[in-house]
Structures are given as structure tokens and as C-alpha cells.
Amino acid sequence: MKNKIRALREQFGFTQQDLAEKVHVSRQTIISLENGKYNPSITLAHSISKTFKMTIEEIFIFEEEL
């Protein structure tokens, strides 16, 4: 799943560690999310969206498999 986490994190001036602490995950989880190697749980997606004051749909781009 593609996402805008890296761009938003940089726009807000957060390091990967800052964002990890805000959403209560490891820095490695943030790295995996940014690289598209990990799909977040709905709880984590919600925490990230609240941190950036956006909707989940604005941050995460769901690509249906055809």
C-alpha cells in the first residue's frame, strides 16, 4: 500500500523517531511503512492520521489487486 507518510513527516518536521514515539511504534515500523513494505493495522493508521490531522484515505493509497 502506498502512502504519504515520508512527505508528511518531513512537512511537519518530524524525524522517523519522533513519529514513532507519537504513534507508539518502533522506528523500524515507520521505516517499513515509508518504504511500502508494511501495511498498518487500522489502529496504527488511525493514530497516524490523527497525528497529521488528516483522514486515513488522504494518507494511505489503497491499490486493488486486479
PDB file of N, CA and C in Angstrom:
ATOM      1  N   MET A   1       0.852  -1.176   0.000  1.00  0.00           N
ATOM      2  CA  MET A   1       0.000   0.000   0.000  1.00  0.00           C
ATOM      3  C   MET A   1       0.897   1.238   0.000  1.00  0.00           C
ATOM      4  N   LYS A   2       0.646   2.121  -0.927  1.00  0.00           N
ATOM      5  CA  LYS A   2       1.415   3.362  -0.976  1.00  0.00           C
ATOM      6  C   LYS A   2       0.874   4.331   0.076  1.00  0.00           C
ATOM      7  N   ASN A   3       1.736   5.266   0.477  1.00  0.00           N
ATOM      8  CA  ASN A   3       1.305   6.250   1.461  1.00  0.00           C
ATOM      9  C   ASN A   3       2.136   7.520   1.333  1.00  0.00           C
ATOM     10  N   LYS A   4       1.701   8.541   2.046  1.00  0.00           N
ATOM     11  CA  LYS A   4       2.363   9.847   2.018  1.00  0.00           C
ATOM     12  C   LYS A   4       3.082  10.145   3.332  1.00  0.00           C
ATOM     13  N   ILE A   5       3.414   9.103   4.079  1.00  0.00           N
ATOM     14  CA  ILE A   5       3.973   9.309   5.417  1.00  0.00           C
ATOM     15  C   ILE A   5       5.285  10.081   5.388  1.00  0.00           C
ATOM     16  N   ARG A   6       6.209   9.690   4.523  1.00  0.00           N
ATOM     17  CA  ARG A   6       7.516  10.374   4.493  1.00  0.00           C
ATOM     18  C   ARG A   6       7.348  11.864   4.207  1.00  0.00           C
ATOM     19  N   ALA A   7       6.562  12.195   3.186  1.00  0.00           N
ATOM     20  CA  ALA A   7       6.369  13.601   2.816  1.00  0.00           C
ATOM     21  C   ALA A   7       5.707  14.376   3.955  1.00  0.00           C
ATOM     22  N   LEU A   8       4.705  13.783   4.578  1.00  0.00           N
ATOM     23  CA  LEU A   8       4.013  14.457   5.683  1.00  0.00           C
ATOM     24  C   LEU A   8       4.935  14.609   6.884  1.00  0.00           C
ATOM     25  N   ARG A   9       5.690  13.566   7.179  1.00  0.00           N
ATOM     26  CA  ARG A   9       6.617  13.614   8.315  1.00  0.00           C
ATOM     27  C   ARG A   9       7.614  14.750   8.117  1.00  0.00           C
ATOM     28  N   GLU A  10       8.152  14.858   6.918  1.00  0.00           N
ATOM     29  CA  GLU A  10       9.117  15.923   6.634  1.00  0.00           C
ATOM     30  C   GLU A  10       8.451  17.296   6.669  1.00  0.00           C
ATOM     31  N   GLN A  11       7.232  17.377   6.152  1.00  0.00           N
ATOM     32  CA  GLN A  11       6.485  18.646   6.165  1.00  0.00           C
ATOM     33  C   GLN A  11       6.235  19.118   7.600  1.00  0.00           C
ATOM     34  N   PHE A  12       5.953  18.179   8.495  1.00  0.00           N
ATOM     35  CA  PHE A  12       5.698  18.518   9.891  1.00  0.00           C
ATOM     36  C   PHE A  12       6.988  18.665  10.696  1.00  0.00           C
ATOM     37  N   GLY A  13       8.133  18.357  10.092  1.00  0.00           N
ATOM     38  CA  GLY A  13       9.416  18.496  10.767  1.00  0.00           C
ATOM     39  C   GLY A  13       9.702  17.387  11.757  1.00  0.00           C
ATOM     40  N   PHE A  14       9.104  16.211  11.551  1.00  0.00           N
ATOM     41  CA  PHE A  14       9.319  15.070  12.446  1.00  0.00           C
ATOM     42  C   PHE A  14      10.425  14.182  11.891  1.00  0.00           C
ATOM     43  N   THR A  15      11.235  13.649  12.781  1.00  0.00           N
ATOM     44  CA  THR A  15      12.143  12.570  12.395  1.00  0.00           C
ATOM     45  C   THR A  15      11.341  11.277  12.425  1.00  0.00           C
ATOM     46  N   GLN A  16      11.934  10.216  11.909  1.00  0.00           N
ATOM     47  CA  GLN A  16      11.262   8.917  11.996  1.00  0.00           C
ATOM     48  C   GLN A  16      11.034   8.542  13.457  1.00  0.00           C
ATOM     49  N   GLN A  17      12.000   8.834  14.294  1.00  0.00           N
ATOM     50  CA  GLN A  17      11.871   8.526  15.722  1.00  0.00           C
ATOM     51  C   GLN A  17      10.759   9.355  16.367  1.00  0.00           C
ATOM     52  N   ASP A  18      10.657  10.625  16.004  1.00  0.00           N
ATOM     53  CA  ASP A  18       9.586  11.475  16.541  1.00  0.00           C
ATOM     54  C   ASP A  18       8.218  10.881  16.231  1.00  0.00           C
ATOM     55  N   LEU A  19       8.019  10.511  14.962  1.00  0.00           N
ATOM     56  CA  LEU A  19       6.729   9.957  14.566  1.00  0.00           C
ATOM     57  C   LEU A  19       6.478   8.627  15.259  1.00  0.00           C
ATOM     58  N   ALA A  20       7.497   7.798  15.340  1.00  0.00           N
ATOM     59  CA  ALA A  20       7.362   6.504  16.018  1.00  0.00           C
ATOM     60  C   ALA A  20       6.889   6.689  17.463  1.00  0.00           C
ATOM     61  N   GLU A  21       7.476   7.642  18.158  1.00  0.00           N
ATOM     62  CA  GLU A  21       7.087   7.895  19.547  1.00  0.00           C
ATOM     63  C   GLU A  21       5.652   8.416  19.635  1.00  0.00           C
ATOM     64  N   LYS A  22       5.260   9.259  18.706  1.00  0.00           N
ATOM     65  CA  LYS A  22       3.909   9.824  18.725  1.00  0.00           C
ATOM     66  C   LYS A  22       2.835   8.765  18.511  1.00  0.00           C
ATOM     67  N   VAL A  23       3.138   7.745  17.689  1.00  0.00           N
ATOM     68  CA  VAL A  23       2.132   6.719  17.382  1.00  0.00           C
ATOM     69  C   VAL A  23       2.429   5.389  18.091  1.00  0.00           C
ATOM     70  N   HIS A  24       3.430   5.405  18.967  1.00  0.00           N
ATOM     71  CA  HIS A  24       3.739   4.258  19.846  1.00  0.00           C
ATOM     72  C   HIS A  24       4.143   2.997  19.088  1.00  0.00           C
ATOM     73  N   VAL A  25       5.063   3.167  18.125  1.00  0.00           N
ATOM     74  CA  VAL A  25       5.651   2.031  17.424  1.00  0.00           C
ATOM     75  C   VAL A  25       7.164   2.251  17.355  1.00  0.00           C
ATOM     76  N   SER A  26       7.877   1.275  16.808  1.00  0.00           N
ATOM     77  CA  SER A  26       9.324   1.421  16.670  1.00  0.00           C
ATOM     78  C   SER A  26       9.665   2.247  15.429  1.00  0.00           C
ATOM     79  N   ARG A  27      10.870   2.771  15.421  1.00  0.00           N
ATOM     80  CA  ARG A  27      11.357   3.499  14.251  1.00  0.00           C
ATOM     81  C   ARG A  27      11.393   2.579  13.038  1.00  0.00           C
ATOM     82  N   GLN A  28      11.709   1.300  13.261  1.00  0.00           N
ATOM     83  CA  GLN A  28      11.733   0.320  12.168  1.00  0.00           C
ATOM     84  C   GLN A  28      10.364   0.192  11.509  1.00  0.00           C
ATOM     85  N   THR A  29       9.297   0.289  12.296  1.00  0.00           N
ATOM     86  CA  THR A  29       7.947   0.224  11.738  1.00  0.00           C
ATOM     87  C   THR A  29       7.702   1.415  10.823  1.00  0.00           C
ATOM     88  N   ILE A  30       8.138   2.592  11.238  1.00  0.00           N
ATOM     89  CA  ILE A  30       7.980   3.789  10.403  1.00  0.00           C
ATOM     90  C   ILE A  30       8.771   3.633   9.106  1.00  0.00           C
ATOM     91  N   ILE A  31       9.985   3.113   9.201  1.00  0.00           N
ATOM     92  CA  ILE A  31      10.810   2.885   8.009  1.00  0.00           C
ATOM     93  C   ILE A  31      10.092   1.928   7.063  1.00  0.00           C
ATOM     94  N   SER A  32       9.557   0.842   7.586  1.00  0.00           N
ATOM     95  CA  SER A  32       8.847  -0.143   6.756  1.00  0.00           C
ATOM     96  C   SER A  32       7.603   0.458   6.116  1.00  0.00           C
ATOM     97  N   LEU A  33       6.885   1.279   6.859  1.00  0.00           N
ATOM     98  CA  LEU A  33       5.705   1.955   6.304  1.00  0.00           C
ATOM     99  C   LEU A  33       6.106   2.882   5.162  1.00  0.00           C
ATOM    100  N   GLU A  34       7.128   3.692   5.395  1.00  0.00           N
ATOM    101  CA  GLU A  34       7.566   4.644   4.383  1.00  0.00           C
ATOM    102  C   GLU A  34       8.041   3.942   3.107  1.00  0.00           C
ATOM    103  N   ASN A  35       8.607   2.773   3.261  1.00  0.00           N
ATOM    104  CA  ASN A  35       9.114   2.026   2.109  1.00  0.00           C
ATOM    105  C   ASN A  35       8.049   1.132   1.473  1.00  0.00           C
ATOM    106  N   GLY A  36       6.839   1.165   2.018  1.00  0.00           N
ATOM    107  CA  GLY A  36       5.750   0.373   1.461  1.00  0.00           C
ATOM    108  C   GLY A  36       5.880  -1.114   1.706  1.00  0.00           C
ATOM    109  N   LYS A  37       6.681  -1.496   2.708  1.00  0.00           N
ATOM    110  CA  LYS A  37       6.901  -2.914   2.995  1.00  0.00           C
ATOM    111  C   LYS A  37       6.004  -3.435   4.107  1.00  0.00           C
ATOM    112  N   TYR A  38       5.185  -2.563   4.661  1.00  0.00           N
ATOM    113  CA  TYR A  38       4.338  -2.946   5.791  1.00  0.00           C
ATOM    114  C   TYR A  38       3.016  -2.196   5.682  1.00  0.00           C
ATOM    115  N   ASN A  39       1.921  -2.922   5.791  1.00  0.00           N
ATOM    116  CA  ASN A  39       0.605  -2.299   5.822  1.00  0.00           C
ATOM    117  C   ASN A  39       0.176  -2.164   7.273  1.00  0.00           C
ATOM    118  N   PRO A  40      -0.197  -0.967   7.687  1.00  0.00           N
ATOM    119  CA  PRO A  40      -0.523  -0.751   9.095  1.00  0.00           C
ATOM    120  C   PRO A  40      -1.864  -1.364   9.489  1.00  0.00           C
ATOM    121  N   SER A  41      -1.980  -1.654  10.772  1.00  0.00           N
ATOM    122  CA  SER A  41      -3.285  -2.038  11.306  1.00  0.00           C
ATOM    123  C   SER A  41      -4.184  -0.812  11.243  1.00  0.00           C
ATOM    124  N   ILE A  42      -5.470  -1.018  11.351  1.00  0.00           N
ATOM    125  CA  ILE A  42      -6.393   0.120  11.335  1.00  0.00           C
ATOM    126  C   ILE A  42      -6.121   1.045  12.518  1.00  0.00           C
ATOM    127  N   THR A  43      -5.716   0.466  13.632  1.00  0.00           N
ATOM    128  CA  THR A  43      -5.395   1.281  14.822  1.00  0.00           C
ATOM    129  C   THR A  43      -4.193   2.182  14.553  1.00  0.00           C
ATOM    130  N   LEU A  44      -3.160   1.627  13.947  1.00  0.00           N
ATOM    131  CA  LEU A  44      -1.970   2.422  13.630  1.00  0.00           C
ATOM    132  C   LEU A  44      -2.287   3.468  12.570  1.00  0.00           C
ATOM    133  N   ALA A  45      -3.031   3.085  11.545  1.00  0.00           N
ATOM    134  CA  ALA A  45      -3.422   4.047  10.502  1.00  0.00           C
ATOM    135  C   ALA A  45      -4.202   5.206  11.117  1.00  0.00           C
ATOM    136  N   HIS A  46      -5.077   4.896  12.063  1.00  0.00           N
ATOM    137  CA  HIS A  46      -5.863   5.933  12.741  1.00  0.00           C
ATOM    138  C   HIS A  46      -4.948   6.856  13.545  1.00  0.00           C
ATOM    139  N   SER A  47      -3.993   6.285  14.271  1.00  0.00           N
ATOM    140  CA  SER A  47      -3.052   7.097  15.060  1.00  0.00           C
ATOM    141  C   SER A  47      -2.240   8.027  14.168  1.00  0.00           C
ATOM    142  N   ILE A  48      -1.791   7.509  13.037  1.00  0.00           N
ATOM    143  CA  ILE A  48      -1.014   8.325  12.105  1.00  0.00           C
ATOM    144  C   ILE A  48      -1.885   9.446  11.539  1.00  0.00           C
ATOM    145  N   SER A  49      -3.116   9.113  11.169  1.00  0.00           N
ATOM    146  CA  SER A  49      -3.999  10.142  10.606  1.00  0.00           C
ATOM    147  C   SER A  49      -4.309  11.232  11.630  1.00  0.00           C
ATOM    148  N   LYS A  50      -4.489  10.855  12.887  1.00  0.00           N
ATOM    149  CA  LYS A  50      -4.725  11.857  13.939  1.00  0.00           C
ATOM    150  C   LYS A  50      -3.494  12.742  14.139  1.00  0.00           C
ATOM    151  N   THR A  51      -2.321  12.142  14.078  1.00  0.00           N
ATOM    152  CA  THR A  51      -1.077  12.901  14.254  1.00  0.00           C
ATOM    153  C   THR A  51      -0.935  13.978  13.186  1.00  0.00           C
ATOM    154  N   PHE A  52      -1.312  13.636  11.949  1.00  0.00           N
ATOM    155  CA  PHE A  52      -1.199  14.586  10.844  1.00  0.00           C
ATOM    156  C   PHE A  52      -2.486  15.382  10.598  1.00  0.00           C
ATOM    157  N   LYS A  53      -3.513  15.134  11.433  1.00  0.00           N
ATOM    158  CA  LYS A  53      -4.803  15.834  11.308  1.00  0.00           C
ATOM    159  C   LYS A  53      -5.383  15.688   9.896  1.00  0.00           C
ATOM    160  N   MET A  54      -5.353  14.454   9.416  1.00  0.00           N
ATOM    161  CA  MET A  54      -5.881  14.119   8.092  1.00  0.00           C
ATOM    162  C   MET A  54      -6.692  12.838   8.201  1.00  0.00           C
ATOM    163  N   THR A  55      -7.406  12.512   7.132  1.00  0.00           N
ATOM    164  CA  THR A  55      -8.126  11.241   7.123  1.00  0.00           C
ATOM    165  C   THR A  55      -7.169  10.131   6.686  1.00  0.00           C
ATOM    166  N   ILE A  56      -7.522   8.910   7.018  1.00  0.00           N
ATOM    167  CA  ILE A  56      -6.722   7.759   6.605  1.00  0.00           C
ATOM    168  C   ILE A  56      -6.605   7.737   5.090  1.00  0.00           C
ATOM    169  N   GLU A  57      -7.714   8.028   4.402  1.00  0.00           N
ATOM    170  CA  GLU A  57      -7.723   7.991   2.939  1.00  0.00           C
ATOM    171  C   GLU A  57      -6.801   9.034   2.314  1.00  0.00           C
ATOM    172  N   GLU A  58      -6.546  10.137   3.020  1.00  0.00           N
ATOM    173  CA  GLU A  58      -5.647  11.169   2.499  1.00  0.00           C
ATOM    174  C   GLU A  58      -4.184  10.742   2.606  1.00  0.00           C
ATOM    175  N   ILE A  59      -3.893   9.823   3.507  1.00  0.00           N
ATOM    176  CA  ILE A  59      -2.517   9.400   3.758  1.00  0.00           C
ATOM    177  C   ILE A  59      -2.172   8.097   3.042  1.00  0.00           C
ATOM    178  N   PHE A  60      -3.099   7.157   3.068  1.00  0.00           N
ATOM    179  CA  PHE A  60      -2.846   5.837   2.505  1.00  0.00           C
ATOM    180  C   PHE A  60      -3.585   5.659   1.178  1.00  0.00           C
ATOM    181  N   ILE A  61      -2.885   5.169   0.179  1.00  0.00           N
ATOM    182  CA  ILE A  61      -3.464   4.956  -1.146  1.00  0.00           C
ATOM    183  C   ILE A  61      -3.632   3.458  -1.341  1.00  0.00           C
ATOM    184  N   PHE A  62      -4.882   3.016  -1.273  1.00  0.00           N
ATOM    185  CA  PHE A  62      -5.187   1.607  -1.441  1.00  0.00           C
ATOM    186  C   PHE A  62      -5.208   1.262  -2.914  1.00  0.00           C
ATOM    187  N   GLU A  63      -4.444   0.252  -3.288  1.00  0.00           N
ATOM    188  CA  GLU A  63      -4.410  -0.196  -4.680  1.00  0.00           C
ATOM    189  C   GLU A  63      -5.010  -1.590  -4.739  1.00  0.00           C
ATOM    190  N   GLU A  64      -6.159  -1.708  -5.374  1.00  0.00           N
ATOM    191  CA  GLU A  64      -6.789  -3.014  -5.504  1.00  0.00           C
ATOM    192  C   GLU A  64      -6.008  -3.887  -6.461  1.00  0.00           C
ATOM    193  N   GLU A  65      -5.897  -5.149  -6.071  1.00  0.00           N
ATOM    194  CA  GLU A  65      -5.277  -6.099  -6.978  1.00  0.00           C
ATOM    195  C   GLU A  65      -6.316  -6.533  -7.989  1.00  0.00           C
ATOM    196  N   LEU A  66      -5.932  -6.518  -9.251  1.00  0.00           N
ATOM    197  CA  LEU A  66      -6.868  -6.913 -10.311  1.00  0.00           C
ATOM    198  C   LEU A  66      -6.642  -8.330 -10.740  1.00  0.00           C
TER     199      LEU A  66
END
